[in-house]
Structures are given as structure tokens and as C-alpha cells.
């Protein structure tokens, strides 16, 4: 486990765990992303526990998210994105404390990783805002009793296609992919479903 205490490796694992967690939120169901994210976060946590952290660099990383969020919502985005990029890259490079105060993470690696991850997080943030701003295109209560089909295995969560849209769903029993299901209940935007035992027409356009 000593290789995890190498700052560059610890940094890459930490960023990888964060990205896997974001992907797991937007593509739930298989459990692979969730388990991978948990595993990466545990390994990064081990490294963070043993490697000394620069408080100012950690604060810069946290504060660097603020101009990024402003850029997602407002105009003059390039200015705020530039500020966020600089803050995140510098905070990443100096995240772990060294005896001589030099960057613990290779600055070019920190810059490259920041440039790669920012567009991915940008897309996730924009997708979230779009989903929050969208008004329901249908009466959600009409989904109760509707027949659809699973798009991913449900163990116990996954994705189903009902009423012309993909929905996050869960079930009290494992359901295979491409299985016809009936909606039993709705909690927010998550549907509780069960397998259809009889031949019923799927309610899809």
C-alpha cells in the first residue's frame, strides 16, 4: 500500500474517485460505477490520512469551485472559468505538504488533470441545471400502474423506460435488463417497479 503514499498517485486516485462518483449519479443501476467510486475513495482516504495536507491549498481547491459554479449559471464564463482553473490547478499541485514547500504533485500533471476534469464536471453541472429547470412533460401520477421495460438490470436500482422517457427505478427483487415491468409507486423521480407476470401492452409511444 506504500505506492498510495506517492502524492501523484494519491492525487490521481482522488480525482478518479470523484469522477466515478459523478458518473454513478448520472448512470445508476449496474453497481460497477458505485463500487469503483467507493474503492477509489477508500484508497484516496488512506493516502490523505497519512500524507500531510496543506490547509491553504485545500482551501484554494474548495474556493476554486465557487467561480466554476458562477460560470455555469452566468455570462462572462471564460473569466470565471479561468479563475477556477488557476485555483484548482495550484491547489492540486500544493495539496500535500512538503518539507521545502515545493509542489508535491507535478504541476503539469495537476494542470492536465484539471483541464480534463473541468469539461466533464461542466457537462454534469449543466445537465443537472437543465433537469431542475425542466417542467414535467406529463402528469407524473399517471405513471402509477404504467407498463414499461428495464433499460439496465435493477439490483436493486437501475433504469426503466416508461411513458416515453427513461426513469431511475428500484425494485424489491432483482430484475434483468429488457424485462417488462409495472410501476407500483413513485418517490420523487424514482419509480418502484415489479416484473410483469402477464401479457400486457407496454405503455410506450
N, C-alpha and C. Protein backbone atom coordinates (compact mmCIF):
# COMPACT_ATOMS: atom_id res chain seq x y z
N UNK A 1 0.81 -1.22 0.00
CA UNK A 1 0.00 0.00 0.00
C UNK A 1 0.85 1.27 0.00
N UNK A 2 2.21 1.11 0.10
CA UNK A 2 3.05 2.30 0.15
C UNK A 2 2.99 3.11 -1.13
N UNK A 3 2.66 2.46 -2.26
CA UNK A 3 2.60 3.22 -3.53
C UNK A 3 1.49 4.27 -3.48
N UNK A 4 0.49 4.06 -2.62
CA UNK A 4 -0.59 5.04 -2.50
C UNK A 4 -0.13 6.33 -1.83
N UNK A 5 1.02 6.27 -1.15
CA UNK A 5 1.52 7.45 -0.46
C UNK A 5 2.38 8.33 -1.37
N UNK A 6 2.51 7.93 -2.64
CA UNK A 6 3.17 8.79 -3.62
C UNK A 6 2.17 9.87 -4.03
N UNK A 7 2.48 11.17 -3.79
CA UNK A 7 1.49 12.24 -4.00
C UNK A 7 0.82 12.23 -5.36
N UNK A 8 1.57 11.99 -6.43
CA UNK A 8 0.97 11.99 -7.77
C UNK A 8 -0.07 10.90 -7.92
N UNK A 9 0.23 9.71 -7.41
CA UNK A 9 -0.71 8.60 -7.49
C UNK A 9 -1.92 8.87 -6.61
N UNK A 10 -1.70 9.36 -5.38
CA UNK A 10 -2.80 9.68 -4.48
C UNK A 10 -3.73 10.72 -5.10
N UNK A 11 -3.15 11.70 -5.76
CA UNK A 11 -3.94 12.75 -6.41
C UNK A 11 -4.79 12.18 -7.54
N UNK A 12 -4.20 11.33 -8.39
CA UNK A 12 -4.94 10.74 -9.50
C UNK A 12 -6.09 9.85 -9.00
N UNK A 13 -5.83 9.09 -7.93
CA UNK A 13 -6.88 8.23 -7.39
C UNK A 13 -8.01 9.08 -6.80
N UNK A 14 -7.66 10.17 -6.14
CA UNK A 14 -8.67 11.05 -5.55
C UNK A 14 -9.56 11.66 -6.63
N UNK A 15 -8.94 12.16 -7.70
CA UNK A 15 -9.71 12.75 -8.80
C UNK A 15 -10.54 11.67 -9.50
N UNK A 16 -9.94 10.49 -9.70
CA UNK A 16 -10.68 9.39 -10.34
C UNK A 16 -11.89 8.97 -9.54
N UNK A 17 -11.75 8.91 -8.22
CA UNK A 17 -12.90 8.57 -7.37
C UNK A 17 -14.01 9.59 -7.47
N UNK A 18 -13.62 10.87 -7.55
CA UNK A 18 -14.62 11.93 -7.68
C UNK A 18 -15.37 11.81 -9.00
N UNK A 19 -14.66 11.57 -10.09
CA UNK A 19 -15.31 11.44 -11.40
C UNK A 19 -16.20 10.20 -11.46
N UNK A 20 -15.76 9.09 -10.87
CA UNK A 20 -16.58 7.88 -10.85
C UNK A 20 -17.86 8.12 -10.06
N UNK A 21 -17.76 8.88 -8.96
CA UNK A 21 -18.94 9.18 -8.16
C UNK A 21 -19.94 10.02 -8.96
N UNK A 22 -19.43 10.99 -9.74
CA UNK A 22 -20.30 11.82 -10.56
C UNK A 22 -20.98 10.98 -11.64
N UNK A 23 -20.23 10.10 -12.29
CA UNK A 23 -20.81 9.22 -13.30
C UNK A 23 -21.84 8.29 -12.71
N UNK A 24 -21.60 7.82 -11.48
CA UNK A 24 -22.55 6.92 -10.82
C UNK A 24 -23.88 7.61 -10.57
N UNK A 25 -23.83 8.91 -10.30
CA UNK A 25 -25.07 9.66 -10.07
C UNK A 25 -25.89 9.76 -11.34
N UNK A 26 -25.23 9.94 -12.49
CA UNK A 26 -25.93 10.14 -13.74
C UNK A 26 -26.19 8.85 -14.52
N UNK A 27 -25.58 7.75 -14.10
CA UNK A 27 -25.81 6.47 -14.77
C UNK A 27 -25.92 5.36 -13.73
N UNK A 28 -26.96 5.42 -12.88
CA UNK A 28 -27.10 4.42 -11.83
C UNK A 28 -27.59 3.08 -12.38
N UNK A 29 -27.42 2.04 -11.56
CA UNK A 29 -28.06 0.78 -11.94
C UNK A 29 -27.18 -0.43 -11.87
N UNK A 30 -26.03 -0.42 -12.54
CA UNK A 30 -25.21 -1.63 -12.61
C UNK A 30 -24.47 -1.91 -11.32
N UNK A 31 -24.15 -0.87 -10.58
CA UNK A 31 -23.39 -1.05 -9.34
C UNK A 31 -21.89 -1.00 -9.55
N UNK A 32 -21.44 -1.15 -10.80
CA UNK A 32 -20.00 -1.16 -11.08
C UNK A 32 -19.38 0.20 -10.78
N UNK A 33 -20.04 1.28 -11.25
CA UNK A 33 -19.52 2.61 -11.01
C UNK A 33 -19.52 2.94 -9.52
N UNK A 34 -20.61 2.57 -8.83
CA UNK A 34 -20.70 2.86 -7.41
C UNK A 34 -19.60 2.17 -6.62
N UNK A 35 -19.38 0.89 -6.93
CA UNK A 35 -18.34 0.12 -6.22
C UNK A 35 -16.96 0.66 -6.55
N UNK A 36 -16.74 0.99 -7.82
CA UNK A 36 -15.44 1.53 -8.23
C UNK A 36 -15.16 2.87 -7.55
N UNK A 37 -16.20 3.72 -7.48
CA UNK A 37 -16.04 5.02 -6.82
C UNK A 37 -15.72 4.84 -5.34
N UNK A 38 -16.42 3.93 -4.68
CA UNK A 38 -16.18 3.67 -3.26
C UNK A 38 -14.76 3.16 -3.03
N UNK A 39 -14.32 2.25 -3.89
CA UNK A 39 -12.98 1.68 -3.77
C UNK A 39 -11.92 2.76 -3.95
N UNK A 40 -12.12 3.64 -4.95
CA UNK A 40 -11.15 4.71 -5.20
C UNK A 40 -11.12 5.70 -4.05
N UNK A 41 -12.31 6.03 -3.52
CA UNK A 41 -12.36 6.98 -2.40
C UNK A 41 -11.68 6.40 -1.16
N UNK A 42 -11.85 5.11 -0.92
CA UNK A 42 -11.20 4.47 0.23
C UNK A 42 -9.68 4.51 0.08
N UNK A 43 -9.19 4.22 -1.13
CA UNK A 43 -7.75 4.27 -1.35
C UNK A 43 -7.22 5.69 -1.20
N UNK A 44 -7.96 6.67 -1.75
CA UNK A 44 -7.54 8.06 -1.61
C UNK A 44 -7.59 8.49 -0.15
N UNK A 45 -8.60 8.01 0.59
CA UNK A 45 -8.69 8.34 2.01
C UNK A 45 -7.51 7.82 2.79
N UNK A 46 -7.03 6.63 2.43
CA UNK A 46 -5.84 6.07 3.07
C UNK A 46 -4.64 6.98 2.85
N UNK A 47 -4.47 7.44 1.62
CA UNK A 47 -3.34 8.31 1.30
C UNK A 47 -3.46 9.64 2.01
N UNK A 48 -4.66 10.22 1.99
CA UNK A 48 -4.87 11.53 2.64
C UNK A 48 -4.62 11.44 4.14
N UNK A 49 -4.95 10.28 4.72
CA UNK A 49 -4.76 10.10 6.16
C UNK A 49 -3.28 10.15 6.54
N UNK A 50 -2.42 9.60 5.68
CA UNK A 50 -1.00 9.51 6.01
C UNK A 50 -0.16 10.64 5.41
N UNK A 51 -0.67 11.29 4.36
CA UNK A 51 0.08 12.38 3.76
C UNK A 51 -0.38 13.71 4.37
N UNK A 52 0.55 14.56 4.80
CA UNK A 52 0.16 15.86 5.38
C UNK A 52 -0.46 16.77 4.33
N UNK A 53 -1.54 17.44 4.70
CA UNK A 53 -2.27 18.31 3.77
C UNK A 53 -1.89 19.76 4.02
N UNK A 54 -1.75 20.52 2.94
CA UNK A 54 -1.57 21.96 3.05
C UNK A 54 -2.94 22.61 3.23
N UNK A 55 -3.24 23.18 4.38
CA UNK A 55 -4.57 23.79 4.59
C UNK A 55 -4.91 24.86 3.56
N UNK A 56 -3.93 25.71 3.20
CA UNK A 56 -4.23 26.77 2.25
C UNK A 56 -4.53 26.21 0.86
N UNK A 57 -3.84 25.11 0.48
CA UNK A 57 -4.10 24.51 -0.82
C UNK A 57 -5.48 23.86 -0.85
N UNK A 58 -5.85 23.21 0.25
CA UNK A 58 -7.18 22.61 0.34
C UNK A 58 -8.25 23.69 0.27
N UNK A 59 -8.02 24.82 0.97
CA UNK A 59 -8.97 25.93 0.93
C UNK A 59 -9.07 26.49 -0.49
N UNK A 60 -7.94 26.56 -1.19
CA UNK A 60 -7.95 27.06 -2.57
C UNK A 60 -8.74 26.14 -3.49
N UNK A 61 -8.63 24.83 -3.27
CA UNK A 61 -9.41 23.87 -4.06
C UNK A 61 -10.91 24.08 -3.83
N UNK A 62 -11.29 24.26 -2.57
CA UNK A 62 -12.71 24.44 -2.25
C UNK A 62 -13.22 25.76 -2.83
N UNK A 63 -12.45 26.83 -2.63
CA UNK A 63 -12.86 28.14 -3.14
C UNK A 63 -12.86 28.18 -4.66
N UNK A 64 -12.02 27.36 -5.28
CA UNK A 64 -11.97 27.33 -6.74
C UNK A 64 -13.23 26.82 -7.38
N UNK A 65 -14.06 26.13 -6.60
CA UNK A 65 -15.33 25.63 -7.12
C UNK A 65 -16.33 26.78 -7.29
N UNK A 66 -16.19 27.84 -6.47
CA UNK A 66 -17.15 28.95 -6.50
C UNK A 66 -17.21 29.64 -7.86
N UNK A 67 -16.08 30.12 -8.40
CA UNK A 67 -16.17 30.74 -9.73
C UNK A 67 -16.62 29.77 -10.82
N UNK A 68 -16.35 28.47 -10.62
CA UNK A 68 -16.83 27.48 -11.60
C UNK A 68 -18.35 27.43 -11.59
N UNK A 69 -18.95 27.42 -10.39
CA UNK A 69 -20.41 27.40 -10.29
C UNK A 69 -21.02 28.68 -10.84
N UNK A 70 -20.33 29.82 -10.63
CA UNK A 70 -20.81 31.08 -11.19
C UNK A 70 -20.79 31.02 -12.72
N UNK A 71 -19.73 30.42 -13.27
CA UNK A 71 -19.61 30.31 -14.73
C UNK A 71 -20.71 29.44 -15.31
N UNK A 72 -21.15 28.44 -14.58
CA UNK A 72 -22.21 27.55 -15.07
C UNK A 72 -23.52 28.31 -15.23
N UNK A 73 -23.76 29.29 -14.37
CA UNK A 73 -25.05 29.97 -14.32
C UNK A 73 -25.07 31.33 -15.03
N UNK A 74 -23.93 31.97 -15.22
CA UNK A 74 -23.93 33.35 -15.69
C UNK A 74 -23.10 33.53 -16.95
N UNK A 75 -23.16 34.79 -17.47
CA UNK A 75 -22.35 35.14 -18.63
C UNK A 75 -20.92 35.45 -18.19
N UNK A 76 -20.09 35.90 -19.13
CA UNK A 76 -18.67 36.13 -18.87
C UNK A 76 -18.03 34.88 -18.29
N UNK A 77 -18.38 33.75 -18.87
CA UNK A 77 -17.96 32.47 -18.30
C UNK A 77 -16.46 32.26 -18.36
N UNK A 78 -15.81 32.75 -19.41
CA UNK A 78 -14.39 32.48 -19.58
C UNK A 78 -13.57 33.08 -18.44
N UNK A 79 -13.99 34.24 -17.94
CA UNK A 79 -13.26 34.87 -16.84
C UNK A 79 -13.33 34.00 -15.59
N UNK A 80 -14.54 33.58 -15.25
CA UNK A 80 -14.73 32.77 -14.05
C UNK A 80 -14.09 31.39 -14.23
N UNK A 81 -14.16 30.84 -15.44
CA UNK A 81 -13.54 29.54 -15.68
C UNK A 81 -12.02 29.64 -15.56
N UNK A 82 -11.44 30.76 -16.01
CA UNK A 82 -10.00 30.95 -15.88
C UNK A 82 -9.57 31.04 -14.43
N UNK A 83 -10.35 31.76 -13.62
CA UNK A 83 -10.05 31.86 -12.19
C UNK A 83 -10.15 30.49 -11.53
N UNK A 84 -11.21 29.77 -11.87
CA UNK A 84 -11.41 28.43 -11.30
C UNK A 84 -10.29 27.49 -11.71
N UNK A 85 -9.90 27.54 -12.98
CA UNK A 85 -8.83 26.67 -13.47
C UNK A 85 -7.53 26.92 -12.72
N UNK A 86 -7.18 28.20 -12.55
CA UNK A 86 -5.94 28.55 -11.85
C UNK A 86 -5.98 28.08 -10.40
N UNK A 87 -7.11 28.32 -9.74
CA UNK A 87 -7.23 27.93 -8.32
C UNK A 87 -7.15 26.42 -8.15
N UNK A 88 -7.83 25.68 -9.01
CA UNK A 88 -7.85 24.23 -8.89
C UNK A 88 -6.48 23.63 -9.22
N UNK A 89 -5.82 24.16 -10.25
CA UNK A 89 -4.51 23.63 -10.64
C UNK A 89 -3.46 23.90 -9.56
N UNK A 90 -3.44 25.12 -9.02
CA UNK A 90 -2.47 25.46 -7.97
C UNK A 90 -2.77 24.69 -6.69
N UNK A 91 -4.05 24.63 -6.32
CA UNK A 91 -4.42 23.88 -5.12
C UNK A 91 -4.07 22.41 -5.24
N UNK A 92 -4.23 21.85 -6.45
CA UNK A 92 -3.90 20.44 -6.67
C UNK A 92 -2.40 20.20 -6.53
N UNK A 93 -1.60 21.10 -7.13
CA UNK A 93 -0.15 20.93 -7.11
C UNK A 93 0.43 20.98 -5.71
N UNK A 94 -0.16 21.82 -4.85
CA UNK A 94 0.36 22.00 -3.49
C UNK A 94 -0.51 21.33 -2.43
N UNK A 95 -1.37 20.38 -2.86
CA UNK A 95 -2.32 19.78 -1.92
C UNK A 95 -1.62 19.10 -0.75
N UNK A 96 -0.56 18.37 -1.04
CA UNK A 96 0.16 17.67 0.02
C UNK A 96 1.40 18.48 0.42
N UNK A 97 1.63 18.59 1.71
CA UNK A 97 2.72 19.42 2.23
C UNK A 97 4.07 18.73 2.07
N UNK A 98 5.08 19.50 1.69
CA UNK A 98 6.45 19.00 1.58
C UNK A 98 7.35 19.80 2.52
N UNK A 99 8.51 19.24 2.80
CA UNK A 99 9.42 19.88 3.75
C UNK A 99 9.94 21.22 3.24
N UNK A 100 10.19 21.32 1.94
CA UNK A 100 10.76 22.56 1.39
C UNK A 100 9.71 23.47 0.77
N UNK A 101 8.45 23.11 0.87
CA UNK A 101 7.38 23.95 0.34
C UNK A 101 7.17 23.85 -1.15
N UNK A 102 7.87 22.92 -1.80
CA UNK A 102 7.72 22.75 -3.25
C UNK A 102 6.42 22.00 -3.56
N UNK A 103 5.95 22.07 -4.82
CA UNK A 103 4.73 21.32 -5.18
C UNK A 103 4.93 19.83 -4.95
N UNK A 104 3.96 19.20 -4.31
CA UNK A 104 4.04 17.76 -4.07
C UNK A 104 3.54 16.97 -5.28
N UNK A 105 2.59 17.55 -6.01
CA UNK A 105 2.07 16.94 -7.23
C UNK A 105 2.69 17.67 -8.41
N UNK A 106 3.11 16.92 -9.42
CA UNK A 106 3.71 17.53 -10.60
C UNK A 106 2.77 18.61 -11.16
N UNK A 107 3.22 19.87 -11.25
CA UNK A 107 2.34 20.96 -11.72
C UNK A 107 1.72 20.70 -13.09
N UNK A 108 2.50 20.09 -14.01
CA UNK A 108 1.95 19.79 -15.33
C UNK A 108 0.87 18.72 -15.25
N UNK A 109 1.05 17.76 -14.35
CA UNK A 109 0.02 16.74 -14.15
C UNK A 109 -1.24 17.36 -13.56
N UNK A 110 -1.06 18.24 -12.58
CA UNK A 110 -2.21 18.91 -11.96
C UNK A 110 -2.97 19.74 -12.99
N UNK A 111 -2.23 20.45 -13.87
CA UNK A 111 -2.88 21.26 -14.89
C UNK A 111 -3.61 20.39 -15.91
N UNK A 112 -2.96 19.30 -16.34
CA UNK A 112 -3.57 18.41 -17.32
C UNK A 112 -4.84 17.77 -16.77
N UNK A 113 -4.76 17.27 -15.54
CA UNK A 113 -5.94 16.63 -14.94
C UNK A 113 -7.07 17.65 -14.77
N UNK A 114 -6.74 18.86 -14.37
CA UNK A 114 -7.76 19.90 -14.21
C UNK A 114 -8.42 20.22 -15.54
N UNK A 115 -7.61 20.32 -16.60
CA UNK A 115 -8.17 20.61 -17.93
C UNK A 115 -9.07 19.49 -18.43
N UNK A 116 -8.77 18.25 -18.04
CA UNK A 116 -9.58 17.11 -18.47
C UNK A 116 -10.87 17.00 -17.67
N UNK A 117 -10.77 17.22 -16.37
CA UNK A 117 -11.93 17.01 -15.50
C UNK A 117 -12.94 18.16 -15.56
N UNK A 118 -12.47 19.38 -15.78
CA UNK A 118 -13.40 20.51 -15.78
C UNK A 118 -14.51 20.39 -16.82
N UNK A 119 -14.22 20.00 -18.08
CA UNK A 119 -15.32 19.83 -19.04
C UNK A 119 -16.33 18.75 -18.61
N UNK A 120 -15.83 17.67 -18.00
CA UNK A 120 -16.73 16.61 -17.56
C UNK A 120 -17.65 17.10 -16.45
N UNK A 121 -17.08 17.82 -15.50
CA UNK A 121 -17.89 18.36 -14.41
C UNK A 121 -18.84 19.44 -14.94
N UNK A 122 -18.37 20.20 -15.92
CA UNK A 122 -19.22 21.23 -16.55
C UNK A 122 -20.46 20.59 -17.16
N UNK A 123 -20.27 19.51 -17.92
CA UNK A 123 -21.40 18.83 -18.54
C UNK A 123 -22.36 18.29 -17.49
N UNK A 124 -21.81 17.73 -16.42
CA UNK A 124 -22.66 17.19 -15.35
C UNK A 124 -23.46 18.31 -14.68
N UNK A 125 -22.81 19.44 -14.44
CA UNK A 125 -23.49 20.57 -13.80
C UNK A 125 -24.59 21.13 -14.71
N UNK A 126 -24.29 21.28 -16.00
CA UNK A 126 -25.29 21.80 -16.93
C UNK A 126 -26.48 20.85 -17.06
N UNK A 127 -26.17 19.56 -17.08
CA UNK A 127 -27.25 18.58 -17.18
C UNK A 127 -28.14 18.63 -15.94
N UNK A 128 -27.54 18.81 -14.78
CA UNK A 128 -28.31 18.91 -13.55
C UNK A 128 -29.20 20.14 -13.56
N UNK A 129 -28.64 21.29 -13.96
CA UNK A 129 -29.43 22.51 -14.01
C UNK A 129 -30.58 22.40 -15.00
N UNK A 130 -30.31 21.79 -16.16
CA UNK A 130 -31.36 21.61 -17.16
C UNK A 130 -32.48 20.75 -16.62
N UNK A 131 -32.12 19.68 -15.92
CA UNK A 131 -33.13 18.78 -15.35
C UNK A 131 -33.95 19.49 -14.29
N UNK A 132 -33.31 20.35 -13.48
CA UNK A 132 -34.03 21.06 -12.43
C UNK A 132 -34.97 22.12 -13.00
N UNK A 133 -34.57 22.70 -14.13
CA UNK A 133 -35.37 23.78 -14.72
C UNK A 133 -36.49 23.26 -15.61
N UNK A 134 -36.39 22.02 -16.03
CA UNK A 134 -37.43 21.46 -16.91
C UNK A 134 -38.72 21.23 -16.14
N UNK A 135 -39.82 21.59 -16.74
CA UNK A 135 -41.14 21.31 -16.16
C UNK A 135 -41.58 19.93 -16.62
N UNK A 136 -42.26 19.17 -15.77
CA UNK A 136 -42.71 17.83 -16.17
C UNK A 136 -43.56 17.88 -17.43
N UNK A 137 -43.24 17.02 -18.39
CA UNK A 137 -43.97 16.99 -19.66
C UNK A 137 -45.23 16.14 -19.57
N UNK A 138 -45.46 15.51 -18.41
CA UNK A 138 -46.63 14.67 -18.28
C UNK A 138 -47.06 14.65 -16.82
N UNK A 139 -48.28 14.17 -16.59
CA UNK A 139 -48.79 14.01 -15.24
C UNK A 139 -48.09 12.81 -14.61
N UNK A 140 -47.23 13.09 -13.63
CA UNK A 140 -46.42 12.03 -13.05
C UNK A 140 -47.28 10.98 -12.35
N UNK A 141 -48.45 11.38 -11.87
CA UNK A 141 -49.30 10.41 -11.18
C UNK A 141 -49.84 9.34 -12.13
N UNK A 142 -49.87 9.66 -13.43
CA UNK A 142 -50.35 8.69 -14.41
C UNK A 142 -49.36 7.56 -14.63
N UNK A 143 -48.15 7.74 -14.10
CA UNK A 143 -47.16 6.69 -14.24
C UNK A 143 -47.49 5.47 -13.39
N UNK A 144 -48.24 5.68 -12.31
CA UNK A 144 -48.58 4.57 -11.43
C UNK A 144 -49.43 3.56 -12.21
N UNK A 145 -48.96 2.32 -12.26
CA UNK A 145 -49.66 1.28 -13.00
C UNK A 145 -49.21 1.15 -14.44
N UNK A 146 -48.39 2.09 -14.92
CA UNK A 146 -47.93 2.04 -16.31
C UNK A 146 -46.98 0.86 -16.51
N UNK A 147 -46.97 0.36 -17.75
CA UNK A 147 -46.10 -0.75 -18.11
C UNK A 147 -44.93 -0.22 -18.94
N UNK A 148 -43.73 -0.65 -18.59
CA UNK A 148 -42.55 -0.22 -19.32
C UNK A 148 -41.56 -1.36 -19.45
N UNK A 149 -40.30 -1.01 -19.65
CA UNK A 149 -39.26 -2.02 -19.85
C UNK A 149 -37.96 -1.54 -19.22
N UNK A 150 -37.22 -2.45 -18.62
CA UNK A 150 -35.96 -2.10 -18.00
C UNK A 150 -34.89 -1.85 -19.06
N UNK A 151 -34.13 -0.80 -18.88
CA UNK A 151 -33.02 -0.50 -19.78
C UNK A 151 -31.70 -1.04 -19.22
N UNK A 152 -31.63 -1.19 -17.90
CA UNK A 152 -30.47 -1.78 -17.24
C UNK A 152 -30.97 -2.79 -16.22
N UNK A 153 -30.12 -3.69 -15.76
CA UNK A 153 -30.55 -4.57 -14.65
C UNK A 153 -30.88 -3.71 -13.43
N UNK A 154 -31.85 -4.13 -12.66
CA UNK A 154 -32.24 -3.43 -11.45
C UNK A 154 -31.85 -4.29 -10.26
N UNK A 155 -30.77 -3.86 -9.53
CA UNK A 155 -30.23 -4.67 -8.44
C UNK A 155 -29.66 -3.79 -7.31
N UNK A 156 -30.45 -3.16 -6.48
CA UNK A 156 -31.90 -3.00 -6.59
C UNK A 156 -32.31 -1.77 -7.38
N UNK A 157 -31.33 -0.98 -7.90
CA UNK A 157 -31.66 0.23 -8.65
C UNK A 157 -31.19 0.11 -10.09
N UNK A 158 -31.85 0.85 -10.96
CA UNK A 158 -31.48 0.82 -12.36
C UNK A 158 -32.30 1.83 -13.14
N UNK A 159 -32.46 1.58 -14.44
CA UNK A 159 -33.17 2.50 -15.31
C UNK A 159 -34.28 1.76 -16.06
N UNK A 160 -35.46 2.39 -16.15
CA UNK A 160 -36.58 1.81 -16.90
C UNK A 160 -37.08 2.84 -17.90
N UNK A 161 -37.73 2.33 -18.95
CA UNK A 161 -38.32 3.19 -19.98
C UNK A 161 -39.83 3.09 -19.84
N UNK A 162 -40.44 4.20 -19.42
CA UNK A 162 -41.89 4.24 -19.20
C UNK A 162 -42.43 5.56 -19.71
N UNK A 163 -43.55 5.51 -20.40
CA UNK A 163 -44.21 6.74 -20.84
C UNK A 163 -43.36 7.59 -21.76
N UNK A 164 -42.48 6.96 -22.54
CA UNK A 164 -41.67 7.70 -23.50
C UNK A 164 -40.40 8.30 -22.93
N UNK A 165 -40.06 7.98 -21.65
CA UNK A 165 -38.87 8.55 -21.04
C UNK A 165 -38.14 7.50 -20.22
N UNK A 166 -36.84 7.72 -20.00
CA UNK A 166 -36.06 6.89 -19.09
C UNK A 166 -36.20 7.43 -17.68
N UNK A 167 -36.39 6.51 -16.71
CA UNK A 167 -36.55 6.88 -15.31
C UNK A 167 -35.62 6.05 -14.45
N UNK A 168 -35.16 6.64 -13.36
CA UNK A 168 -34.45 5.85 -12.35
C UNK A 168 -35.50 5.01 -11.61
N UNK A 169 -35.14 3.78 -11.33
CA UNK A 169 -36.12 2.88 -10.72
C UNK A 169 -35.44 1.96 -9.72
N UNK A 170 -36.23 1.40 -8.83
CA UNK A 170 -35.74 0.38 -7.91
C UNK A 170 -36.80 -0.69 -7.74
N UNK A 171 -36.36 -1.84 -7.26
CA UNK A 171 -37.26 -2.97 -7.11
C UNK A 171 -36.85 -3.76 -5.87
N UNK A 172 -37.82 -4.44 -5.29
CA UNK A 172 -37.54 -5.27 -4.12
C UNK A 172 -36.91 -6.60 -4.50
N UNK A 173 -36.88 -6.88 -5.79
CA UNK A 173 -36.27 -8.11 -6.28
C UNK A 173 -35.44 -7.80 -7.51
N UNK A 174 -34.36 -8.55 -7.77
CA UNK A 174 -33.55 -8.30 -8.97
C UNK A 174 -34.38 -8.48 -10.24
N UNK A 175 -34.18 -7.58 -11.19
CA UNK A 175 -34.88 -7.66 -12.48
C UNK A 175 -33.85 -7.53 -13.58
N UNK A 176 -33.90 -8.42 -14.55
CA UNK A 176 -32.93 -8.40 -15.64
C UNK A 176 -33.22 -7.28 -16.63
N UNK A 177 -32.25 -6.98 -17.45
CA UNK A 177 -32.42 -5.97 -18.50
C UNK A 177 -33.44 -6.45 -19.53
N UNK A 178 -34.14 -5.48 -20.16
CA UNK A 178 -35.15 -5.75 -21.19
C UNK A 178 -36.31 -6.59 -20.66
N UNK A 179 -36.64 -6.39 -19.38
CA UNK A 179 -37.78 -7.08 -18.77
C UNK A 179 -38.95 -6.10 -18.65
N UNK A 180 -40.15 -6.58 -18.97
CA UNK A 180 -41.34 -5.74 -18.85
C UNK A 180 -41.68 -5.56 -17.37
N UNK A 181 -41.97 -4.32 -16.97
CA UNK A 181 -42.23 -4.04 -15.56
C UNK A 181 -43.47 -3.15 -15.43
N UNK A 182 -44.03 -3.15 -14.23
CA UNK A 182 -45.17 -2.29 -13.90
C UNK A 182 -44.75 -1.33 -12.80
N UNK A 183 -45.15 -0.08 -12.90
CA UNK A 183 -44.82 0.93 -11.89
C UNK A 183 -45.79 0.79 -10.72
N UNK A 184 -45.24 0.60 -9.54
CA UNK A 184 -46.05 0.45 -8.34
C UNK A 184 -46.19 1.75 -7.55
N UNK A 185 -45.12 2.52 -7.55
CA UNK A 185 -45.09 3.70 -6.67
C UNK A 185 -44.06 4.67 -7.20
N UNK A 186 -44.19 5.93 -6.83
CA UNK A 186 -43.22 6.94 -7.23
C UNK A 186 -42.79 7.74 -6.02
N UNK A 187 -41.48 7.87 -5.84
CA UNK A 187 -40.91 8.72 -4.79
C UNK A 187 -40.03 9.76 -5.47
N UNK A 188 -40.55 10.96 -5.61
CA UNK A 188 -39.82 11.98 -6.36
C UNK A 188 -39.72 11.57 -7.81
N UNK A 189 -38.50 11.40 -8.31
CA UNK A 189 -38.28 10.98 -9.69
C UNK A 189 -37.78 9.55 -9.77
N UNK A 190 -38.00 8.78 -8.71
CA UNK A 190 -37.60 7.37 -8.68
C UNK A 190 -38.85 6.51 -8.64
N UNK A 191 -38.93 5.55 -9.54
CA UNK A 191 -40.09 4.67 -9.63
C UNK A 191 -39.81 3.34 -8.97
N UNK A 192 -40.77 2.84 -8.23
CA UNK A 192 -40.67 1.47 -7.71
C UNK A 192 -41.44 0.56 -8.66
N UNK A 193 -40.79 -0.49 -9.14
CA UNK A 193 -41.38 -1.33 -10.17
C UNK A 193 -41.33 -2.79 -9.76
N UNK A 194 -42.11 -3.60 -10.50
CA UNK A 194 -42.09 -5.05 -10.33
C UNK A 194 -42.20 -5.69 -11.71
N UNK A 195 -41.72 -6.91 -11.87
CA UNK A 195 -41.84 -7.57 -13.18
C UNK A 195 -43.30 -7.83 -13.52
N UNK A 196 -43.62 -7.72 -14.81
CA UNK A 196 -44.97 -8.01 -15.28
C UNK A 196 -45.09 -9.52 -15.48
N UNK A 197 -46.07 -10.11 -14.82
CA UNK A 197 -46.24 -11.56 -14.90
C UNK A 197 -47.13 -11.99 -16.04
N UNK A 198 -48.00 -11.08 -16.51
CA UNK A 198 -48.95 -11.43 -17.58
C UNK A 198 -48.66 -10.59 -18.81
N UNK A 199 -49.21 -11.00 -19.94
CA UNK A 199 -49.03 -10.28 -21.19
C UNK A 199 -49.87 -9.02 -21.19
N UNK A 200 -49.21 -7.87 -21.00
CA UNK A 200 -49.91 -6.59 -21.03
C UNK A 200 -49.16 -5.69 -22.00
N UNK A 201 -49.87 -4.86 -22.75
CA UNK A 201 -49.18 -3.98 -23.69
C UNK A 201 -48.38 -2.93 -22.95
N UNK A 202 -47.13 -2.71 -23.36
CA UNK A 202 -46.32 -1.68 -22.75
C UNK A 202 -46.84 -0.31 -23.16
N UNK A 203 -46.88 0.61 -22.19
CA UNK A 203 -47.41 1.94 -22.46
C UNK A 203 -46.28 2.84 -22.92
N UNK A 204 -45.86 2.63 -24.17
CA UNK A 204 -44.80 3.42 -24.77
C UNK A 204 -45.28 3.96 -26.09
N UNK A 205 -44.91 5.18 -26.42
CA UNK A 205 -45.30 5.72 -27.72
C UNK A 205 -44.53 5.05 -28.83
